[in-house]
C-alpha atoms as a PDB file:
ATOM      1  CA  LEU A   1       0.175  -0.078   0.059  1.00  0.00           C
ATOM      2  CA  ALA A   2       2.877   2.480   0.937  1.00  0.00           C
ATOM      3  CA  MET A   3       4.293   1.487  -2.368  1.00  0.00           C
ATOM      4  CA  ALA A   4       1.502   2.567  -4.017  1.00  0.00           C
ATOM      5  CA  ILE A   5       0.797   5.664  -2.497  1.00  0.00           C
ATOM      6  CA  LEU A   6       4.163   6.747  -3.326  1.00  0.00           C
ATOM      7  CA  GLY A   7       4.218   5.491  -6.536  1.00  0.00           C
ATOM      8  CA  GLY A   8       0.920   7.828  -7.432  1.00  0.00           C
ATOM      9  CA  CYS A   9       3.223  10.797  -5.830  1.00  0.00           C
ATOM     10  CA  ALA A  10       5.897  10.052  -8.349  1.00  0.00           C
ATOM     11  CA  MET A  11       3.286  10.432 -10.996  1.00  0.00           C
ATOM     12  CA  SER A  12       1.724  13.483  -9.540  1.00  0.00           C
ATOM     13  CA  ASP A  13       5.483  15.046  -8.927  1.00  0.00           C
ATOM     14  CA  ASP A  14       5.632  14.135 -12.945  1.00  0.00           C
ATOM     15  CA  LYS A  15       2.447  15.327 -14.241  1.00  0.00           C
ATOM     16  CA  MET A  16       3.137  18.899 -12.659  1.00  0.00           C
ATOM     17  CA  MET A  17       6.888  18.560 -14.266  1.00  0.00           C
ATOM     18  CA  ALA A  18       5.638  17.843 -17.324  1.00  0.00           C
ATOM     19  CA  ASP A  19       3.139  20.756 -17.476  1.00  0.00           C
ATOM     20  CA  LYS A  20       5.710  22.963 -15.532  1.00  0.00           C
ATOM     21  CA  LYS A  21       8.348  21.997 -18.670  1.00  0.00           C
ATOM     22  CA  MET A  22       5.160  22.855 -21.168  1.00  0.00           C
ATOM     23  CA  ALA A  23       4.367  25.832 -19.857  1.00  0.00           C
ATOM     24  CA  MET A  24       8.300  27.300 -19.855  1.00  0.00           C
ATOM     25  CA  ALA A  25       8.745  26.140 -23.173  1.00  0.00           C
ATOM     26  CA  GLY A  26       6.475  27.722 -25.379  1.00  0.00           C
ATOM     27  CA  LYS A  27       6.470  31.285 -23.054  1.00  0.00           C
ATOM     28  CA  GLN A  28       6.923  34.083 -26.214  1.00  0.00           C
ATOM     29  CA  ALA A  29       4.187  31.952 -28.383  1.00  0.00           C
ATOM     30  CA  ARG A  30       2.420  31.918 -25.014  1.00  0.00           C
ATOM     31  CA  ALA A  31       2.620  35.365 -24.973  1.00  0.00           C
ATOM     32  CA  HIS A  32       0.901  36.435 -28.147  1.00  0.00           C
ATOM     33  CA  ILE A  33      -1.418  33.847 -27.426  1.00  0.00           C
ATOM     34  CA  GLY A  34      -2.690  35.972 -24.417  1.00  0.00           C
ATOM     35  CA  HIS A  35      -2.826  39.039 -26.635  1.00  0.00           C
ATOM     36  CA  VAL A  36      -5.323  37.570 -28.609  1.00  0.00           C
ATOM     37  CA  MET A  37      -7.152  36.108 -26.205  1.00  0.00           C
ATOM     38  CA  THR A  38      -6.442  37.604 -22.481  1.00  0.00           C
ATOM     39  CA  GLY A  39      -5.440  41.276 -23.028  1.00  0.00           C
ATOM     40  CA  TRP A  40      -3.671  43.725 -25.135  1.00  0.00           C
ATOM     41  CA  LYS A  41      -2.858  47.261 -24.532  1.00  0.00           C
ATOM     42  CA  GLY A  42      -5.517  49.773 -25.768  1.00  0.00           C
ATOM     43  CA  THR A  43      -7.918  47.860 -26.022  1.00  0.00           C
ATOM     44  CA  PRO A  44     -11.815  48.837 -24.087  1.00  0.00           C
ATOM     45  CA  GLY A  45     -11.178  47.411 -20.538  1.00  0.00           C
ATOM     46  CA  GLY A  46      -7.508  46.068 -22.030  1.00  0.00           C
ATOM     47  CA  LYS A  47      -9.172  42.589 -23.128  1.00  0.00           C
ATOM     48  CA  GLY A  48      -7.717  40.393 -26.022  1.00  0.00           C
ATOM     49  CA  LEU A  49      -7.921  41.577 -29.393  1.00  0.00           C
ATOM     50  CA  LEU A  50     -10.274  38.587 -30.133  1.00  0.00           C
ATOM     51  CA  ILE A  51     -12.839  39.079 -27.828  1.00  0.00           C
ATOM     52  CA  THR A  52     -13.056  42.327 -28.527  1.00  0.00           C
ATOM     53  CA  ALA A  53     -13.312  42.298 -32.002  1.00  0.00           C
ATOM     54  CA  GLN A  54     -16.547  39.778 -31.152  1.00  0.00           C
ATOM     55  CA  ALA A  55     -18.133  42.389 -29.246  1.00  0.00           C
ATOM     56  CA  GLU A  56     -17.674  44.761 -31.766  1.00  0.00           C
ATOM     57  CA  ALA A  57     -19.038  42.399 -34.387  1.00  0.00           C
ATOM     58  CA  LYS A  58     -22.146  41.878 -32.320  1.00  0.00           C
ATOM     59  CA  ILE A  59     -23.196  45.646 -31.885  1.00  0.00           C
ATOM     60  CA  ALA A  60     -22.445  45.566 -35.049  1.00  0.00           C
ATOM     61  CA  GLN A  61     -24.587  42.982 -35.796  1.00  0.00           C
ATOM     62  CA  GLN A  62     -27.125  43.962 -33.712  1.00  0.00           C
ATOM     63  CA  HIS A  63     -27.501  47.840 -35.307  1.00  0.00           C
ATOM     64  CA  ALA A  64     -27.795  46.400 -38.605  1.00  0.00           C
ATOM     65  CA  LYS A  65     -30.891  44.120 -38.058  1.00  0.00           C
ATOM     66  CA  PHE A  66     -32.238  47.375 -36.338  1.00  0.00           C
ATOM     67  CA  ALA A  67     -31.949  49.184 -40.203  1.00  0.00           C
ATOM     68  CA  LEU A  68     -33.442  46.233 -41.772  1.00  0.00           C
ATOM     69  CA  GLY A  69     -36.235  46.682 -39.535  1.00  0.00           C
ATOM     70  CA  LYS A  70     -37.752  49.278 -41.453  1.00  0.00           C
ATOM     71  CA  PRO A  71     -37.070  49.573 -44.391  1.00  0.00           C
ATOM     72  CA  ASP A  72     -39.017  51.806 -46.032  1.00  0.00           C
ATOM     73  CA  ASN A  73     -37.671  54.639 -43.439  1.00  0.00           C
ATOM     74  CA  ILE A  74     -34.003  56.309 -45.049  1.00  0.00           C
ATOM     75  CA  LYS A  75     -33.950  58.227 -41.967  1.00  0.00           C
ATOM     76  CA  TRP A  76     -33.646  55.124 -39.515  1.00  0.00           C
ATOM     77  CA  MET A  77     -31.539  52.966 -42.159  1.00  0.00           C
ATOM     78  CA  LYS A  78     -28.827  55.430 -42.577  1.00  0.00           C
ATOM     79  CA  ALA A  79     -28.771  56.393 -39.001  1.00  0.00           C
ATOM     80  CA  HIS A  80     -28.259  52.213 -37.932  1.00  0.00           C
ATOM     81  CA  THR A  81     -25.803  52.062 -40.711  1.00  0.00           C
ATOM     82  CA  THR A  82     -23.871  54.932 -38.767  1.00  0.00           C
ATOM     83  CA  HIS A  83     -23.816  52.704 -35.802  1.00  0.00           C
ATOM     84  CA  VAL A  84     -22.764  49.768 -37.839  1.00  0.00           C
ATOM     85  CA  LEU A  85     -20.004  52.076 -39.292  1.00  0.00           C
ATOM     86  CA  ASN A  86     -18.831  53.063 -35.309  1.00  0.00           C
ATOM     87  CA  ALA A  87     -18.383  49.544 -34.472  1.00  0.00           C
ATOM     88  CA  ILE A  88     -16.849  48.178 -37.477  1.00  0.00           C
ATOM     89  CA  ASP A  89     -14.561  51.326 -38.286  1.00  0.00           C
ATOM     90  CA  PRO A  90     -14.371  54.352 -35.604  1.00  0.00           C
ATOM     91  CA  SER A  91     -11.967  56.118 -37.347  1.00  0.00           C
ATOM     92  CA  ALA A  92     -14.200  56.528 -40.235  1.00  0.00           C
ATOM     93  CA  MET A  93     -17.410  57.186 -37.692  1.00  0.00           C
ATOM     94  CA  ALA A  94     -16.473  58.418 -34.243  1.00  0.00           C
ATOM     95  CA  LYS A  95     -19.789  58.291 -32.368  1.00  0.00           C
ATOM     96  CA  GLY A  96     -21.848  55.551 -31.932  1.00  0.00           C
ATOM     97  CA  PRO A  97     -22.836  52.833 -29.752  1.00  0.00           C
ATOM     98  CA  GLY A  98     -19.007  50.694 -30.748  1.00  0.00           C
ATOM     99  CA  LEU A  99     -16.462  50.529 -28.188  1.00  0.00           C
ATOM    100  CA  GLY A 100     -14.406  53.074 -29.786  1.00  0.00           C
ATOM    101  CA  TYR A 101     -11.934  50.233 -31.052  1.00  0.00           C
ATOM    102  CA  GLY A 102     -13.807  48.307 -34.364  1.00  0.00           C
ATOM    103  CA  VAL A 103     -14.076  45.312 -35.651  1.00  0.00           C
ATOM    104  CA  ILE A 104     -11.241  45.826 -38.527  1.00  0.00           C
ATOM    105  CA  LYS A 105      -8.766  46.581 -35.922  1.00  0.00           C
ATOM    106  CA  ALA A 106      -9.350  44.155 -33.667  1.00  0.00           C
ATOM    107  CA  ALA A 107      -9.678  41.566 -36.078  1.00  0.00           C
ATOM    108  CA  GLY A 108      -6.852  42.491 -37.940  1.00  0.00           C
ATOM    109  CA  GLY A 109      -4.356  42.578 -34.982  1.00  0.00           C
ATOM    110  CA  ALA A 110      -5.560  39.142 -33.570  1.00  0.00           C
ATOM    111  CA  ALA A 111      -4.286  37.517 -36.916  1.00  0.00           C
ATOM    112  CA  LYS A 112      -0.880  39.359 -36.517  1.00  0.00           C
ATOM    113  CA  HIS A 113      -0.588  38.274 -33.343  1.00  0.00           C
ATOM    114  CA  ILE A 114      -1.477  34.916 -33.553  1.00  0.00           C
ATOM    115  CA  GLN A 115       1.032  34.745 -36.710  1.00  0.00           C
ATOM    116  CA  PHE A 116       3.618  36.206 -34.198  1.00  0.00           C
ATOM    117  CA  ALA A 117       2.699  33.227 -31.937  1.00  0.00           C
ATOM    118  CA  ALA A 118       3.367  31.095 -34.927  1.00  0.00           C
ATOM    119  CA  LYS A 119       6.546  32.503 -36.398  1.00  0.00           C
ATOM    120  CA  SER A 120       7.660  32.128 -32.325  1.00  0.00           C
ATOM    121  CA  PRO A 121      11.032  30.308 -32.402  1.00  0.00           C
ATOM    122  CA  ASP A 122       9.366  28.333 -29.501  1.00  0.00           C
ATOM    123  CA  ALA A 123       6.024  27.697 -30.840  1.00  0.00           C
ATOM    124  CA  SER A 124       4.728  23.886 -30.974  1.00  0.00           C
ATOM    125  CA  LYS A 125       3.667  22.598 -34.267  1.00  0.00           C
ATOM    126  CA  ASN A 126       0.038  22.861 -32.493  1.00  0.00           C
ATOM    127  CA  VAL A 127       0.130  26.377 -32.159  1.00  0.00           C
ATOM    128  CA  LYS A 128       1.308  26.677 -35.639  1.00  0.00           C
ATOM    129  CA  LEU A 129      -1.495  24.747 -37.166  1.00  0.00           C
ATOM    130  CA  HIS A 130      -4.361  26.189 -35.585  1.00  0.00           C
ATOM    131  CA  ALA A 131      -2.602  29.637 -35.998  1.00  0.00           C
ATOM    132  CA  THR A 132      -3.227  29.353 -39.350  1.00  0.00           C
ATOM    133  CA  HIS A 133      -6.729  28.411 -39.230  1.00  0.00           C
ATOM    134  CA  VAL A 134      -7.204  31.922 -36.391  1.00  0.00           C
ATOM    135  CA  ALA A 135      -6.262  34.275 -38.909  1.00  0.00           C
ATOM    136  CA  ALA A 136      -7.248  33.172 -42.032  1.00  0.00           C
ATOM    137  CA  SER A 137     -10.982  33.306 -40.255  1.00  0.00           C
ATOM    138  CA  ALA A 138      -9.716  36.507 -38.856  1.00  0.00           C
ATOM    139  CA  GLY A 139      -9.045  37.538 -42.256  1.00  0.00           C
ATOM    140  CA  ASN A 140     -12.246  36.734 -43.709  1.00  0.00           C
ATOM    141  CA  VAL A 141     -13.377  38.993 -40.871  1.00  0.00           C
ATOM    142  CA  VAL A 142     -11.172  41.716 -42.021  1.00  0.00           C
ATOM    143  CA  ASP A 143     -12.371  41.476 -45.570  1.00  0.00           C
ATOM    144  CA  ARG A 144     -15.736  41.658 -45.191  1.00  0.00           C
ATOM    145  CA  SER A 145     -15.502  44.602 -42.438  1.00  0.00           C
ATOM    146  CA  LYS A 146     -13.964  46.314 -45.386  1.00  0.00           C
ATOM    147  CA  LYS A 147     -17.072  45.856 -48.023  1.00  0.00           C
ATOM    148  CA  ILE A 148     -19.111  47.119 -44.607  1.00  0.00           C
ATOM    149  CA  VAL A 149     -17.544  50.483 -44.854  1.00  0.00           C
ATOM    150  CA  ALA A 150     -18.156  50.668 -48.596  1.00  0.00           C
ATOM    151  CA  LEU A 151     -21.757  49.519 -48.259  1.00  0.00           C
ATOM    152  CA  ALA A 152     -21.839  52.493 -45.288  1.00  0.00           C
ATOM    153  CA  LYS A 153     -20.468  55.528 -47.846  1.00  0.00           C
ATOM    154  CA  LEU A 154     -23.043  54.275 -50.693  1.00  0.00           C
ATOM    155  CA  ILE A 155     -26.005  53.841 -47.891  1.00  0.00           C
ATOM    156  CA  ALA A 156     -24.801  57.432 -47.040  1.00  0.00           C
ATOM    157  CA  GLU A 157     -25.049  59.162 -50.376  1.00  0.00           C
ATOM    158  CA  ASN A 158     -28.015  56.785 -51.721  1.00  0.00           C
ATOM    159  CA  ASP A 159     -31.780  58.826 -52.074  1.00  0.00           C
ATOM    160  CA  SER A 160     -33.182  55.898 -53.396  1.00  0.00           C
ATOM    161  CA  GLU A 161     -35.469  54.321 -50.952  1.00  0.00           C
ATOM    162  CA  PHE A 162     -35.157  50.391 -52.649  1.00  0.00           C
ATOM    163  CA  SER A 163     -31.632  51.216 -53.347  1.00  0.00           C
ATOM    164  CA  VAL A 164     -30.829  52.021 -49.750  1.00  0.00           C
ATOM    165  CA  ALA A 165     -32.829  49.346 -48.257  1.00  0.00           C
ATOM    166  CA  ALA A 166     -31.010  46.751 -50.757  1.00  0.00           C
ATOM    167  CA  PHE A 167     -27.730  47.918 -49.346  1.00  0.00           C
ATOM    168  CA  VAL A 168     -28.487  47.457 -46.010  1.00  0.00           C
ATOM    169  CA  ARG A 169     -29.402  43.944 -46.641  1.00  0.00           C
ATOM    170  CA  GLU A 170     -26.140  43.112 -48.033  1.00  0.00           C
ATOM    171  CA  MET A 171     -24.481  44.869 -44.851  1.00  0.00           C
ATOM    172  CA  LYS A 172     -26.789  42.814 -42.376  1.00  0.00           C
ATOM    173  CA  ASN A 173     -25.560  39.391 -44.275  1.00  0.00           C
ATOM    174  CA  LEU A 174     -21.861  40.914 -44.180  1.00  0.00           C
ATOM    175  CA  THR A 175     -22.485  41.559 -40.131  1.00  0.00           C
ATOM    176  CA  ASP A 176     -23.885  38.225 -39.586  1.00  0.00           C
ATOM    177  CA  GLU A 177     -20.772  36.265 -41.791  1.00  0.00           C
ATOM    178  CA  ILE A 178     -18.230  38.454 -39.524  1.00  0.00           C
ATOM    179  CA  VAL A 179     -19.805  36.922 -36.662  1.00  0.00           C
ATOM    180  CA  SER A 180     -20.893  33.184 -37.492  1.00  0.00           C
ATOM    181  CA  GLY A 181     -18.797  32.822 -40.778  1.00  0.00           C
ATOM    182  CA  ASP A 182     -20.502  31.764 -44.504  1.00  0.00           C
ATOM    183  CA  ASP A 183     -20.744  28.351 -46.408  1.00  0.00           C
ATOM    184  CA  ALA A 184     -19.173  29.473 -49.191  1.00  0.00           C
ATOM    185  CA  ASN A 185     -18.650  26.371 -51.007  1.00  0.00           C
ATOM    186  CA  GLY A 186     -22.290  24.823 -50.088  1.00  0.00           C
ATOM    187  CA  ASP A 187     -20.642  22.040 -48.439  1.00  0.00           C
ATOM    188  CA  GLY A 188     -23.339  22.273 -45.592  1.00  0.00           C
ATOM    189  CA  LYS A 189     -20.394  23.071 -42.776  1.00  0.00           C
ATOM    190  CA  VAL A 190     -19.113  27.090 -42.589  1.00  0.00           C
ATOM    191  CA  SER A 191     -14.918  25.597 -41.975  1.00  0.00           C
ATOM    192  CA  TRP A 192     -12.309  28.310 -41.326  1.00  0.00           C
ATOM    193  CA  LYS A 193     -10.879  28.747 -44.907  1.00  0.00           C
ATOM    194  CA  LYS A 194     -10.599  31.811 -47.145  1.00  0.00           C
ATOM    195  CA  GLY A 195     -14.268  33.134 -47.829  1.00  0.00           C
ATOM    196  CA  GLU A 196     -15.821  30.960 -45.250  1.00  0.00           C
ATOM    197  CA  GLY A 197     -14.599  31.546 -41.640  1.00  0.00           C
ATOM    198  CA  GLY A 198     -15.198  34.406 -38.971  1.00  0.00           C
ATOM    199  CA  LEU A 199     -15.209  35.444 -35.506  1.00  0.00           C
ATOM    200  CA  ASP A 200     -16.976  31.892 -34.470  1.00  0.00           C
ATOM    201  CA  GLN A 201     -14.442  30.061 -36.288  1.00  0.00           C
ATOM    202  CA  ALA A 202     -11.770  31.889 -35.159  1.00  0.00           C
ATOM    203  CA  ARG A 203     -12.786  31.607 -31.575  1.00  0.00           C
ATOM    204  CA  LYS A 204     -13.109  27.906 -32.072  1.00  0.00           C
ATOM    205  CA  HIS A 205      -9.754  27.204 -33.289  1.00  0.00           C
ATOM    206  CA  MET A 206      -8.028  29.504 -30.482  1.00  0.00           C
ATOM    207  CA  GLY A 207      -9.748  26.775 -28.705  1.00  0.00           C
ATOM    208  CA  PHE A 208      -8.399  24.220 -29.820  1.00  0.00           C
ATOM    209  CA  MET A 209      -4.851  25.704 -29.691  1.00  0.00           C
ATOM    210  CA  MET A 210      -5.295  26.335 -25.602  1.00  0.00           C
ATOM    211  CA  LYS A 211      -6.794  23.408 -24.718  1.00  0.00           C
ATOM    212  CA  ALA A 212      -3.987  21.747 -26.582  1.00  0.00           C
ATOM    213  CA  GLU A 213      -1.087  24.042 -24.700  1.00  0.00           C
ATOM    214  CA  LYS A 214      -2.649  23.291 -21.111  1.00  0.00           C
ATOM    215  CA  MET A 215      -3.605  26.893 -21.168  1.00  0.00           C
END
């Protein structure tokens, strides 16, 4: 019995040492993972870049839905379009319900820092694998967000109720895609790949990465 207890203690100590070595081994990569998920300077509340992107995207999605709620009211649609724009890119629209950071800046930052993690000399194969997935999805978010900015300009400049409603509908679809992604190839699922993944897919693959890294 005593030997069994001692053996159990030794196994527990070995596991603790292995976990500690894993944490030390990926210190540089983990710092950048933390910037994506835990905290980054300048974000609202100092939250992670991906977390900030998700929060801003939810605001944009909500106000795009509001805008589409009255497709026969140009003033209403234009007002909520400015709210969407504020959450997407506050440099283009300073006032609004957004957090002041913007989806473009936050998602772009998340893509950049997860690539920094993958390029760190201590990055594991797991980090390198999922960093590709996260960066691709975050890149899709930036691309779609830029299209929203262009649509917001068209909406602001147009006085046709029919045209504005059509642009708002397209904007609403894009806000949904930056959050949930899009099944672009029609295979019944949304992957992380270019043209498909959104913030949900980026968050999902960060979860896979962090679980394997025991973070």
